[in-house]
Amino acid sequence: MAVALRDGKLDNLPVSEAELKLLEFIKVLTNHAFLIDDSIVAGLREVGWTDPQIAEAVYIGSFFNMMVRIADAFHAEPPPVTDVEGVPAAVGAG
């Protein structure tokens, strides 16, 4: 699931319709926040998300986006042990 999320492939994830809508919303927030309008928020409400939950998704998504931009600006690379495909053999050996 982590690889699918990393690659933005949201089809066939083992999540509910509501969770999928929220993930799609966060993808829009990340890539094209200016496109978010009342109809998108209404779609989240229709599948059960409340306004406080939607706001929290915006805060958390925005925070993570900010942290990624900062890390990118400083060329910070995560340690290999955090790779979504598992710990590389070179790191795990020994």
Protein backbone atom coordinates (compact mmCIF):
# COMPACT_ATOMS: atom_id res chain seq x y z
CA MET A 1 0.00 0.00 0.00
CA ALA A 2 2.86 2.40 0.78
CA VAL A 3 4.27 2.02 -2.73
CA ALA A 4 0.85 2.72 -4.29
CA LEU A 5 0.45 5.83 -2.15
CA ARG A 6 3.98 7.01 -2.92
CA ASP A 7 3.38 6.58 -6.63
CA GLY A 8 -0.07 8.20 -6.49
CA LYS A 9 -1.81 5.03 -7.70
CA LEU A 10 -5.02 5.14 -5.71
CA ASP A 11 -6.94 2.54 -7.72
CA ASN A 12 -7.54 -0.80 -6.00
CA LEU A 13 -6.31 0.30 -2.57
CA PRO A 14 -7.88 -1.62 0.31
CA VAL A 15 -9.66 1.49 1.65
CA SER A 16 -13.25 2.64 1.94
CA GLU A 17 -14.88 4.99 -0.56
CA ALA A 18 -14.66 7.79 2.02
CA GLU A 19 -10.94 7.19 2.58
CA LEU A 20 -10.31 7.09 -1.18
CA LYS A 21 -12.13 10.43 -1.60
CA LEU A 22 -9.97 11.93 1.14
CA LEU A 23 -6.77 10.62 -0.48
CA GLU A 24 -7.88 12.10 -3.81
CA PHE A 25 -8.56 15.39 -2.02
CA ILE A 26 -5.06 15.41 -0.52
CA LYS A 27 -3.62 14.70 -3.98
CA VAL A 28 -5.41 17.80 -5.30
CA LEU A 29 -4.24 19.78 -2.25
CA THR A 30 -0.66 18.72 -2.97
CA ASN A 31 -0.63 19.28 -6.72
CA HIS A 32 -3.27 21.93 -7.44
CA ALA A 33 -4.62 23.46 -4.21
CA PHE A 34 -6.07 26.37 -6.15
CA LEU A 35 -8.57 23.95 -7.73
CA ILE A 36 -10.24 23.11 -4.42
CA ASP A 37 -13.73 24.56 -4.39
CA ASP A 38 -17.07 24.06 -2.65
CA SER A 39 -18.01 21.13 -4.90
CA ILE A 40 -14.92 19.15 -3.88
CA VAL A 41 -15.59 19.79 -0.19
CA ALA A 42 -19.25 18.86 -0.71
CA GLY A 43 -18.11 15.55 -2.19
CA LEU A 44 -16.17 14.82 0.99
CA ARG A 45 -19.20 15.67 3.11
CA GLU A 46 -21.37 13.35 0.99
CA VAL A 47 -19.21 10.34 1.91
CA GLY A 48 -19.28 11.21 5.61
CA TRP A 49 -16.38 13.53 6.37
CA THR A 50 -17.19 16.38 8.73
CA ASP A 51 -15.95 19.94 8.36
CA PRO A 52 -13.50 19.58 11.28
CA GLN A 53 -12.11 16.37 9.71
CA ILE A 54 -11.75 18.05 6.32
CA ALA A 55 -9.99 21.01 7.95
CA GLU A 56 -7.65 18.64 9.80
CA ALA A 57 -6.82 16.89 6.50
CA VAL A 58 -5.93 20.29 5.01
CA TYR A 59 -3.74 21.19 8.00
CA ILE A 60 -1.91 17.86 8.05
CA GLY A 61 -1.57 17.65 4.26
CA SER A 62 -0.28 21.22 4.06
CA PHE A 63 2.17 20.63 6.90
CA PHE A 64 3.61 17.54 5.22
CA ASN A 65 3.82 19.39 1.91
CA MET A 66 5.73 22.19 3.62
CA MET A 67 8.14 19.75 5.24
CA VAL A 68 8.78 18.01 1.92
CA ARG A 69 9.52 21.36 0.24
CA ILE A 70 11.98 22.27 3.00
CA ALA A 71 13.67 18.86 2.79
CA ASP A 72 13.86 19.18 -1.00
CA ALA A 73 15.37 22.67 -0.76
CA PHE A 74 18.14 21.35 1.49
CA HIS A 75 18.52 18.14 -0.54
CA ALA A 76 17.79 16.11 2.56
CA GLU A 77 17.50 12.41 1.79
CA PRO A 78 15.76 9.95 4.10
CA PRO A 79 17.85 7.11 5.49
CA PRO A 80 17.65 3.91 3.42
CA VAL A 81 15.83 2.08 6.22
CA THR A 82 12.72 4.18 5.49
CA ASP A 83 12.41 2.89 1.91
CA VAL A 84 8.86 1.69 1.29
CA GLU A 85 10.17 -1.44 -0.39
CA GLY A 86 11.93 -2.53 2.79
CA VAL A 87 15.36 -2.25 4.29
CA PRO A 88 18.03 -2.60 1.60
CA ALA A 89 20.16 -5.72 2.02
CA ALA A 90 23.31 -3.61 2.48
CA VAL A 91 21.74 -1.88 5.49
CA GLY A 92 20.14 -5.00 6.96
CA ALA A 93 23.29 -7.09 6.77
CA GLY A 94 25.67 -7.17 9.54
